[in-house]
């Protein structure tokens, strides 16, 4: 039986950075809440025990939804009490032992989030046990007045508010105006459009470097000149090569020597991160999303019979999927000048074909759209039982590189 798990960032509206992740979990035969609780518990324990020892969450808090039986089986105990936020929905509130369970978890130091808060007796009864109130931004029947009342109640009771299903720039703007403490949505890229880079980047050293390393036969001399023109790129390159990740016996001081050590394949994988040293704010999450998609697309492409592009191009398919948001230009304009194959360009622009289906598969998994993901996997011939493992391995790869190279001291 296949286990699927993805993560979604929760962003502080004041600090403008990711402070937690919600883990979105599912088994292949349906929603977690339609499973036999005993089987679900066993799957969560085995999968999340593996997860907790990894760098998947990058040290941040995690929100995870639990059924009543999973709470009674003490499944939250597999997490660090300081990191886990127990998320509860209506299926918990109607359980006869709800208040007792929540009281016990509260006494043990767990924080709790109530999903889809509205003004009704059940929600109000458990408020003393809840730390976070989550409001669904997909609901069209919620008036601004009701949302303001929820935020006012939360402030008076020293609770925090999270707007979830914030899936567009417009929704993000509304959530900020209303005064939510945190926002959460499917697509970080959509929420960040215009946040990092502007049109002039198309003529910058970054874009020239991006174009050169995307060529079938890049010129190392040109790459060396481009990197040497930008102090940030030079600094980042030397910092990376001299990091513990490479563990070289002698310190590297020259750009040419650093590029030679990297080699072309690794240079293509790293230059994207080197070019976008994150500013304060949300751009870090977008860059990590791009890098994760790159690795994930590359891994899954190896399972597709007669895939029309190479493994290296599949990497670029995922990596460039957020280029429009990073540059704040239409995707077609962002990719048309790059020396990419026609198949790769078609995939990046969302035109029908196996490339766009692979990218859609990766994005559907990332968003927790399991039905769509299964349909794309079937069309491409990708075995569904390997997808979660490849995603998890991709997360490990990204976080390992990020922590060893990109984290500022």
Foldseek 3Di string as FASTA:
>chain_A
DAKAKAWWFKAFLVQQEGAEIEIQIQDDVDRLVPDDVVVSLVVCQVVVLVVQVFCLTVPHAYEYEDAQVSLVVVSVVSHDQVRYEYEYEVNLLPDPCNQVSLVVSVVVNHAYEYAQDADDDSNVVCVVSHQEYEHEPVDPPDDLVRLLVVVVVCVVVVHAYEYEQQAACVSVVVCVVSPHRIYIHQDLLRNQAPPAAEQCVCVALLVVLLQQLLAPDHDLVVNQVSQVVDPQLLVLLQLLCQFVVPPDPDRDDGSSVSDVVCDSLNCNLCSLCSSCLDDRHYVVVVQLQLSLQLQLQLVQVVQFPPAPDHSSLSSVLSNLLSVCRNHNHDSLVSPVPHNHDPVSSCLSNCHDDLSVLSSQLSSCSNSVVSVSNVVSCVVRVGPPNCNNVSSVVSSSVSSVSCVGRSDDD
